[in-house]
Amino acid sequence: MKNKRDRLKKIRQTLGLSQTKFGVLINRSLSTVRYWEDTHPILTNDVKESLRFVGINADFIETGEGSMFTENIDSVKRKVYKIID
């Protein structure tokens, strides 16, 4: 994945989240998530903290280096779904 928007979308899809649910996770609107996936995501410190809290590697989104998650995928999904449900 060559750019941030593709990496962000890949993480969302890997977690099985709609754009709306992903927005809930990071406290952003659906329109913001759509905009980021269509153009250029702006990961503020509070968004990065929300991602890191559930085990998503924010540095992967920024640089493409490392793995998508800092924990195994099942652990990440449990945390994510606990927050959004």
PDB file of N, CA and C in Angstrom:
ATOM      1  N   MET A   1       0.848  -1.171   0.000  1.00  0.00           N
ATOM      2  CA  MET A   1       0.000   0.000   0.000  1.00  0.00           C
ATOM      3  C   MET A   1       0.889   1.227   0.000  1.00  0.00           C
ATOM      4  N   LYS A   2       0.691   2.021  -0.989  1.00  0.00           N
ATOM      5  CA  LYS A   2       1.636   3.107  -1.202  1.00  0.00           C
ATOM      6  C   LYS A   2       1.321   4.407  -0.468  1.00  0.00           C
ATOM      7  N   ASN A   3       0.093   4.563   0.027  1.00  0.00           N
ATOM      8  CA  ASN A   3      -0.209   5.842   0.676  1.00  0.00           C
ATOM      9  C   ASN A   3      -1.062   5.652   1.929  1.00  0.00           C
ATOM     10  N   LYS A   4      -1.143   6.734   2.686  1.00  0.00           N
ATOM     11  CA  LYS A   4      -1.843   6.683   3.973  1.00  0.00           C
ATOM     12  C   LYS A   4      -3.311   6.310   3.822  1.00  0.00           C
ATOM     13  N   ARG A   5      -3.956   6.842   2.816  1.00  0.00           N
ATOM     14  CA  ARG A   5      -5.391   6.556   2.683  1.00  0.00           C
ATOM     15  C   ARG A   5      -5.646   5.075   2.427  1.00  0.00           C
ATOM     16  N   ASP A   6      -4.775   4.449   1.616  1.00  0.00           N
ATOM     17  CA  ASP A   6      -4.924   3.009   1.364  1.00  0.00           C
ATOM     18  C   ASP A   6      -4.666   2.195   2.621  1.00  0.00           C
ATOM     19  N   ARG A   7      -3.675   2.597   3.401  1.00  0.00           N
ATOM     20  CA  ARG A   7      -3.360   1.874   4.637  1.00  0.00           C
ATOM     21  C   ARG A   7      -4.473   2.031   5.671  1.00  0.00           C
ATOM     22  N   LEU A   8      -5.022   3.226   5.779  1.00  0.00           N
ATOM     23  CA  LEU A   8      -6.128   3.469   6.703  1.00  0.00           C
ATOM     24  C   LEU A   8      -7.346   2.613   6.315  1.00  0.00           C
ATOM     25  N   LYS A   9      -7.662   2.603   5.045  1.00  0.00           N
ATOM     26  CA  LYS A   9      -8.798   1.818   4.556  1.00  0.00           C
ATOM     27  C   LYS A   9      -8.569   0.324   4.780  1.00  0.00           C
ATOM     28  N   LYS A  10      -7.353  -0.138   4.543  1.00  0.00           N
ATOM     29  CA  LYS A  10      -7.029  -1.554   4.728  1.00  0.00           C
ATOM     30  C   LYS A  10      -7.225  -1.967   6.186  1.00  0.00           C
ATOM     31  N   ILE A  11      -6.800  -1.137   7.122  1.00  0.00           N
ATOM     32  CA  ILE A  11      -6.989  -1.432   8.543  1.00  0.00           C
ATOM     33  C   ILE A  11      -8.477  -1.506   8.865  1.00  0.00           C
ATOM     34  N   ARG A  12      -9.228  -0.526   8.402  1.00  0.00           N
ATOM     35  CA  ARG A  12     -10.676  -0.511   8.650  1.00  0.00           C
ATOM     36  C   ARG A  12     -11.334  -1.769   8.102  1.00  0.00           C
ATOM     37  N   GLN A  13     -10.987  -2.129   6.879  1.00  0.00           N
ATOM     38  CA  GLN A  13     -11.578  -3.309   6.257  1.00  0.00           C
ATOM     39  C   GLN A  13     -11.143  -4.599   6.958  1.00  0.00           C
ATOM     40  N   THR A  14      -9.892  -4.664   7.364  1.00  0.00           N
ATOM     41  CA  THR A  14      -9.390  -5.844   8.069  1.00  0.00           C
ATOM     42  C   THR A  14     -10.152  -6.064   9.369  1.00  0.00           C
ATOM     43  N   LEU A  15     -10.538  -4.977  10.007  1.00  0.00           N
ATOM     44  CA  LEU A  15     -11.307  -5.063  11.248  1.00  0.00           C
ATOM     45  C   LEU A  15     -12.796  -5.298  10.998  1.00  0.00           C
ATOM     46  N   GLY A  16     -13.207  -5.244   9.735  1.00  0.00           N
ATOM     47  CA  GLY A  16     -14.609  -5.472   9.398  1.00  0.00           C
ATOM     48  C   GLY A  16     -15.513  -4.317   9.776  1.00  0.00           C
ATOM     49  N   LEU A  17     -14.963  -3.107   9.770  1.00  0.00           N
ATOM     50  CA  LEU A  17     -15.726  -1.934  10.187  1.00  0.00           C
ATOM     51  C   LEU A  17     -16.214  -1.123   9.000  1.00  0.00           C
ATOM     52  N   SER A  18     -17.412  -0.602   9.118  1.00  0.00           N
ATOM     53  CA  SER A  18     -17.896   0.377   8.152  1.00  0.00           C
ATOM     54  C   SER A  18     -17.158   1.691   8.422  1.00  0.00           C
ATOM     55  N   GLN A  19     -17.289   2.608   7.501  1.00  0.00           N
ATOM     56  CA  GLN A  19     -16.687   3.926   7.734  1.00  0.00           C
ATOM     57  C   GLN A  19     -17.326   4.599   8.948  1.00  0.00           C
ATOM     58  N   THR A  20     -18.613   4.389   9.124  1.00  0.00           N
ATOM     59  CA  THR A  20     -19.312   4.972  10.269  1.00  0.00           C
ATOM     60  C   THR A  20     -18.761   4.428  11.585  1.00  0.00           C
ATOM     61  N   LYS A  21     -18.627   3.108  11.677  1.00  0.00           N
ATOM     62  CA  LYS A  21     -18.116   2.487  12.911  1.00  0.00           C
ATOM     63  C   LYS A  21     -16.666   2.882  13.165  1.00  0.00           C
ATOM     64  N   PHE A  22     -15.865   2.976  12.111  1.00  0.00           N
ATOM     65  CA  PHE A  22     -14.481   3.406  12.283  1.00  0.00           C
ATOM     66  C   PHE A  22     -14.451   4.840  12.812  1.00  0.00           C
ATOM     67  N   GLY A  23     -15.350   5.679  12.315  1.00  0.00           N
ATOM     68  CA  GLY A  23     -15.450   7.048  12.819  1.00  0.00           C
ATOM     69  C   GLY A  23     -15.782   7.091  14.296  1.00  0.00           C
ATOM     70  N   VAL A  24     -16.681   6.206  14.736  1.00  0.00           N
ATOM     71  CA  VAL A  24     -17.013   6.121  16.166  1.00  0.00           C
ATOM     72  C   VAL A  24     -15.770   5.760  16.960  1.00  0.00           C
ATOM     73  N   LEU A  25     -15.009   4.811  16.446  1.00  0.00           N
ATOM     74  CA  LEU A  25     -13.799   4.360  17.135  1.00  0.00           C
ATOM     75  C   LEU A  25     -12.816   5.500  17.372  1.00  0.00           C
ATOM     76  N   ILE A  26     -12.646   6.358  16.375  1.00  0.00           N
ATOM     77  CA  ILE A  26     -11.643   7.431  16.485  1.00  0.00           C
ATOM     78  C   ILE A  26     -12.270   8.803  16.745  1.00  0.00           C
ATOM     79  N   ASN A  27     -13.580   8.791  17.058  1.00  0.00           N
ATOM     80  CA  ASN A  27     -14.287  10.021  17.398  1.00  0.00           C
ATOM     81  C   ASN A  27     -14.262  11.046  16.258  1.00  0.00           C
ATOM     82  N   ARG A  28     -14.555  10.538  15.062  1.00  0.00           N
ATOM     83  CA  ARG A  28     -14.638  11.395  13.886  1.00  0.00           C
ATOM     84  C   ARG A  28     -15.916  11.065  13.126  1.00  0.00           C
ATOM     85  N   SER A  29     -16.399  11.998  12.346  1.00  0.00           N
ATOM     86  CA  SER A  29     -17.637  11.806  11.596  1.00  0.00           C
ATOM     87  C   SER A  29     -17.419  10.898  10.388  1.00  0.00           C
ATOM     88  N   LEU A  30     -18.530  10.381   9.890  1.00  0.00           N
ATOM     89  CA  LEU A  30     -18.491   9.590   8.667  1.00  0.00           C
ATOM     90  C   LEU A  30     -17.876  10.395   7.529  1.00  0.00           C
ATOM     91  N   SER A  31     -18.259  11.645   7.408  1.00  0.00           N
ATOM     92  CA  SER A  31     -17.732  12.468   6.308  1.00  0.00           C
ATOM     93  C   SER A  31     -16.219  12.641   6.415  1.00  0.00           C
ATOM     94  N   THR A  32     -15.700  12.721   7.622  1.00  0.00           N
ATOM     95  CA  THR A  32     -14.246  12.837   7.798  1.00  0.00           C
ATOM     96  C   THR A  32     -13.559  11.550   7.363  1.00  0.00           C
ATOM     97  N   VAL A  33     -14.079  10.409   7.768  1.00  0.00           N
ATOM     98  CA  VAL A  33     -13.476   9.128   7.372  1.00  0.00           C
ATOM     99  C   VAL A  33     -13.532   8.977   5.855  1.00  0.00           C
ATOM    100  N   ARG A  34     -14.660   9.312   5.259  1.00  0.00           N
ATOM    101  CA  ARG A  34     -14.772   9.249   3.791  1.00  0.00           C
ATOM    102  C   ARG A  34     -13.745  10.150   3.126  1.00  0.00           C
ATOM    103  N   TYR A  35     -13.639  11.365   3.630  1.00  0.00           N
ATOM    104  CA  TYR A  35     -12.690  12.326   3.067  1.00  0.00           C
ATOM    105  C   TYR A  35     -11.261  11.786   3.162  1.00  0.00           C
ATOM    106  N   TRP A  36     -10.906  11.249   4.322  1.00  0.00           N
ATOM    107  CA  TRP A  36      -9.561  10.706   4.502  1.00  0.00           C
ATOM    108  C   TRP A  36      -9.284   9.557   3.545  1.00  0.00           C
ATOM    109  N   GLU A  37     -10.264   8.685   3.344  1.00  0.00           N
ATOM    110  CA  GLU A  37     -10.049   7.544   2.451  1.00  0.00           C
ATOM    111  C   GLU A  37     -10.013   7.969   0.987  1.00  0.00           C
ATOM    112  N   ASP A  38     -10.597   9.109   0.673  1.00  0.00           N
ATOM    113  CA  ASP A  38     -10.577   9.611  -0.703  1.00  0.00           C
ATOM    114  C   ASP A  38      -9.402  10.538  -0.981  1.00  0.00           C
ATOM    115  N   THR A  39      -8.857  11.153   0.037  1.00  0.00           N
ATOM    116  CA  THR A  39      -7.788  12.137  -0.176  1.00  0.00           C
ATOM    117  C   THR A  39      -6.562  11.809   0.669  1.00  0.00           C
ATOM    118  N   HIS A  40      -6.422  12.521   1.773  1.00  0.00           N
ATOM    119  CA  HIS A  40      -5.211  12.405   2.576  1.00  0.00           C
ATOM    120  C   HIS A  40      -5.560  12.458   4.058  1.00  0.00           C
ATOM    121  N   PRO A  41      -5.421  11.327   4.774  1.00  0.00           N
ATOM    122  CA  PRO A  41      -5.771  11.341   6.198  1.00  0.00           C
ATOM    123  C   PRO A  41      -4.858  12.257   7.018  1.00  0.00           C
ATOM    124  N   ILE A  42      -5.470  12.950   7.944  1.00  0.00           N
ATOM    125  CA  ILE A  42      -4.718  13.796   8.872  1.00  0.00           C
ATOM    126  C   ILE A  42      -4.860  13.170  10.251  1.00  0.00           C
ATOM    127  N   LEU A  43      -3.806  12.517  10.703  1.00  0.00           N
ATOM    128  CA  LEU A  43      -3.865  11.834  11.989  1.00  0.00           C
ATOM    129  C   LEU A  43      -3.342  12.749  13.085  1.00  0.00           C
ATOM    130  N   THR A  44      -4.276  13.359  13.787  1.00  0.00           N
ATOM    131  CA  THR A  44      -3.906  14.217  14.907  1.00  0.00           C
ATOM    132  C   THR A  44      -3.477  13.332  16.079  1.00  0.00           C
ATOM    133  N   ASN A  45      -2.897  13.937  17.071  1.00  0.00           N
ATOM    134  CA  ASN A  45      -2.426  13.170  18.228  1.00  0.00           C
ATOM    135  C   ASN A  45      -3.555  12.413  18.919  1.00  0.00           C
ATOM    136  N   ASP A  46      -4.749  13.015  19.009  1.00  0.00           N
ATOM    137  CA  ASP A  46      -5.849  12.310  19.670  1.00  0.00           C
ATOM    138  C   ASP A  46      -6.325  11.114  18.844  1.00  0.00           C
ATOM    139  N   VAL A  47      -6.285  11.210  17.523  1.00  0.00           N
ATOM    140  CA  VAL A  47      -6.637  10.069  16.671  1.00  0.00           C
ATOM    141  C   VAL A  47      -5.596   8.968  16.832  1.00  0.00           C
ATOM    142  N   LYS A  48      -4.329   9.343  16.830  1.00  0.00           N
ATOM    143  CA  LYS A  48      -3.260   8.351  17.010  1.00  0.00           C
ATOM    144  C   LYS A  48      -3.394   7.639  18.348  1.00  0.00           C
ATOM    145  N   GLU A  49      -3.742   8.375  19.386  1.00  0.00           N
ATOM    146  CA  GLU A  49      -3.930   7.768  20.708  1.00  0.00           C
ATOM    147  C   GLU A  49      -5.096   6.785  20.695  1.00  0.00           C
ATOM    148  N   SER A  50      -6.185   7.154  20.034  1.00  0.00           N
ATOM    149  CA  SER A  50      -7.337   6.242  19.937  1.00  0.00           C
ATOM    150  C   SER A  50      -6.951   4.959  19.217  1.00  0.00           C
ATOM    151  N   LEU A  51      -6.187   5.086  18.159  1.00  0.00           N
ATOM    152  CA  LEU A  51      -5.740   3.912  17.403  1.00  0.00           C
ATOM    153  C   LEU A  51      -4.819   3.042  18.246  1.00  0.00           C
ATOM    154  N   ARG A  52      -3.857   3.669  18.885  1.00  0.00           N
ATOM    155  CA  ARG A  52      -2.891   2.919  19.703  1.00  0.00           C
ATOM    156  C   ARG A  52      -3.569   2.221  20.875  1.00  0.00           C
ATOM    157  N   PHE A  53      -4.587   2.858  21.431  1.00  0.00           N
ATOM    158  CA  PHE A  53      -5.293   2.302  22.586  1.00  0.00           C
ATOM    159  C   PHE A  53      -5.861   0.917  22.293  1.00  0.00           C
ATOM    160  N   VAL A  54      -6.310   0.704  21.066  1.00  0.00           N
ATOM    161  CA  VAL A  54      -6.897  -0.596  20.707  1.00  0.00           C
ATOM    162  C   VAL A  54      -5.913  -1.521  20.012  1.00  0.00           C
ATOM    163  N   GLY A  55      -4.679  -1.064  19.802  1.00  0.00           N
ATOM    164  CA  GLY A  55      -3.665  -1.933  19.216  1.00  0.00           C
ATOM    165  C   GLY A  55      -3.418  -1.735  17.732  1.00  0.00           C
ATOM    166  N   ILE A  56      -3.871  -0.608  17.207  1.00  0.00           N
ATOM    167  CA  ILE A  56      -3.604  -0.277  15.804  1.00  0.00           C
ATOM    168  C   ILE A  56      -2.325   0.547  15.744  1.00  0.00           C
ATOM    169  N   ASN A  57      -1.430   0.155  14.854  1.00  0.00           N
ATOM    170  CA  ASN A  57      -0.143   0.819  14.715  1.00  0.00           C
ATOM    171  C   ASN A  57      -0.298   2.092  13.870  1.00  0.00           C
ATOM    172  N   ALA A  58      -0.408   3.239  14.528  1.00  0.00           N
ATOM    173  CA  ALA A  58      -0.577   4.510  13.824  1.00  0.00           C
ATOM    174  C   ALA A  58       0.637   4.826  12.951  1.00  0.00           C
ATOM    175  N   ASP A  59       1.809   4.375  13.364  1.00  0.00           N
ATOM    176  CA  ASP A  59       3.008   4.614  12.560  1.00  0.00           C
ATOM    177  C   ASP A  59       2.933   3.881  11.224  1.00  0.00           C
ATOM    178  N   PHE A  60       2.272   2.716  11.207  1.00  0.00           N
ATOM    179  CA  PHE A  60       2.076   1.996   9.952  1.00  0.00           C
ATOM    180  C   PHE A  60       1.267   2.846   8.975  1.00  0.00           C
ATOM    181  N   ILE A  61       0.239   3.499   9.471  1.00  0.00           N
ATOM    182  CA  ILE A  61      -0.576   4.354   8.602  1.00  0.00           C
ATOM    183  C   ILE A  61       0.273   5.490   8.048  1.00  0.00           C
ATOM    184  N   GLU A  62       1.071   6.098   8.897  1.00  0.00           N
ATOM    185  CA  GLU A  62       1.885   7.242   8.491  1.00  0.00           C
ATOM    186  C   GLU A  62       2.996   6.863   7.505  1.00  0.00           C
ATOM    187  N   THR A  63       3.684   5.752   7.773  1.00  0.00           N
ATOM    188  CA  THR A  63       4.903   5.449   7.009  1.00  0.00           C
ATOM    189  C   THR A  63       4.819   4.199   6.139  1.00  0.00           C
ATOM    190  N   GLY A  64       3.904   3.303   6.474  1.00  0.00           N
ATOM    191  CA  GLY A  64       3.826   2.030   5.764  1.00  0.00           C
ATOM    192  C   GLY A  64       4.793   0.993   6.292  1.00  0.00           C
ATOM    193  N   GLU A  65       5.529   1.336   7.336  1.00  0.00           N
ATOM    194  CA  GLU A  65       6.514   0.418   7.905  1.00  0.00           C
ATOM    195  C   GLU A  65       5.939  -0.299   9.123  1.00  0.00           C
ATOM    196  N   GLY A  66       6.381  -1.532   9.309  1.00  0.00           N
ATOM    197  CA  GLY A  66       5.913  -2.329  10.437  1.00  0.00           C
ATOM    198  C   GLY A  66       4.609  -3.027  10.099  1.00  0.00           C
ATOM    199  N   SER A  67       3.965  -3.537  11.130  1.00  0.00           N
ATOM    200  CA  SER A  67       2.698  -4.240  10.908  1.00  0.00           C
ATOM    201  C   SER A  67       1.520  -3.319  11.230  1.00  0.00           C
ATOM    202  N   MET A  68       0.348  -3.712  10.769  1.00  0.00           N
ATOM    203  CA  MET A  68      -0.846  -2.904  10.992  1.00  0.00           C
ATOM    204  C   MET A  68      -1.212  -2.822  12.467  1.00  0.00           C
ATOM    205  N   PHE A  69      -0.936  -3.906  13.187  1.00  0.00           N
ATOM    206  CA  PHE A  69      -1.381  -3.992  14.572  1.00  0.00           C
ATOM    207  C   PHE A  69      -0.213  -4.255  15.508  1.00  0.00           C
ATOM    208  N   THR A  70      -0.342  -3.753  16.724  1.00  0.00           N
ATOM    209  CA  THR A  70       0.697  -3.967  17.734  1.00  0.00           C
ATOM    210  C   THR A  70       0.382  -5.183  18.594  1.00  0.00           C
ATOM    211  N   GLU A  71      -0.805  -5.747  18.400  1.00  0.00           N
ATOM    212  CA  GLU A  71      -1.254  -6.944  19.116  1.00  0.00           C
ATOM    213  C   GLU A  71      -1.857  -7.892  18.088  1.00  0.00           C
ATOM    214  N   ASN A  72      -2.181  -9.113  18.503  1.00  0.00           N
ATOM    215  CA  ASN A  72      -2.809 -10.014  17.540  1.00  0.00           C
ATOM    216  C   ASN A  72      -4.198  -9.492  17.177  1.00  0.00           C
ATOM    217  N   ILE A  73      -4.624  -9.844  15.994  1.00  0.00           N
ATOM    218  CA  ILE A  73      -5.856  -9.297  15.425  1.00  0.00           C
ATOM    219  C   ILE A  73      -7.085  -9.592  16.285  1.00  0.00           C
ATOM    220  N   ASP A  74      -7.151 -10.745  16.900  1.00  0.00           N
ATOM    221  CA  ASP A  74      -8.316 -11.066  17.741  1.00  0.00           C
ATOM    222  C   ASP A  74      -8.403 -10.145  18.949  1.00  0.00           C
ATOM    223  N   SER A  75      -7.275  -9.847  19.543  1.00  0.00           N
ATOM    224  CA  SER A  75      -7.234  -8.933  20.681  1.00  0.00           C
ATOM    225  C   SER A  75      -7.668  -7.524  20.267  1.00  0.00           C
ATOM    226  N   VAL A  76      -7.190  -7.095  19.119  1.00  0.00           N
ATOM    227  CA  VAL A  76      -7.556  -5.773  18.603  1.00  0.00           C
ATOM    228  C   VAL A  76      -9.064  -5.713  18.345  1.00  0.00           C
ATOM    229  N   LYS A  77      -9.588  -6.728  17.691  1.00  0.00           N
ATOM    230  CA  LYS A  77     -11.028  -6.752  17.389  1.00  0.00           C
ATOM    231  C   LYS A  77     -11.868  -6.719  18.658  1.00  0.00           C
ATOM    232  N   ARG A  78     -11.466  -7.468  19.678  1.00  0.00           N
ATOM    233  CA  ARG A  78     -12.213  -7.450  20.946  1.00  0.00           C
ATOM    234  C   ARG A  78     -12.264  -6.043  21.524  1.00  0.00           C
ATOM    235  N   LYS A  79     -11.122  -5.373  21.537  1.00  0.00           N
ATOM    236  CA  LYS A  79     -11.077  -4.005  22.074  1.00  0.00           C
ATOM    237  C   LYS A  79     -11.931  -3.060  21.239  1.00  0.00           C
ATOM    238  N   VAL A  80     -11.810  -3.168  19.935  1.00  0.00           N
ATOM    239  CA  VAL A  80     -12.550  -2.286  19.028  1.00  0.00           C
ATOM    240  C   VAL A  80     -14.050  -2.463  19.233  1.00  0.00           C
ATOM    241  N   TYR A  81     -14.516  -3.701  19.214  1.00  0.00           N
ATOM    242  CA  TYR A  81     -15.956  -3.944  19.310  1.00  0.00           C
ATOM    243  C   TYR A  81     -16.500  -3.605  20.696  1.00  0.00           C
ATOM    244  N   LYS A  82     -15.672  -3.664  21.700  1.00  0.00           N
ATOM    245  CA  LYS A  82     -16.093  -3.245  23.040  1.00  0.00           C
ATOM    246  C   LYS A  82     -16.383  -1.742  23.047  1.00  0.00           C
ATOM    247  N   ILE A  83     -15.610  -0.995  22.295  1.00  0.00           N
ATOM    248  CA  ILE A  83     -15.772   0.458  22.237  1.00  0.00           C
ATOM    249  C   ILE A  83     -16.964   0.874  21.374  1.00  0.00           C
ATOM    250  N   ILE A  84     -17.115   0.241  20.221  1.00  0.00           N
ATOM    251  CA  ILE A  84     -18.130   0.730  19.269  1.00  0.00           C
ATOM    252  C   ILE A  84     -19.515   0.141  19.490  1.00  0.00           C
ATOM    253  N   ASP A  85     -19.610  -0.921  20.241  1.00  0.00           N
ATOM    254  CA  ASP A  85     -20.941  -1.512  20.474  1.00  0.00           C
ATOM    255  C   ASP A  85     -21.591  -0.989  21.730  1.00  0.00           C
TER     256      ASP A  85
END
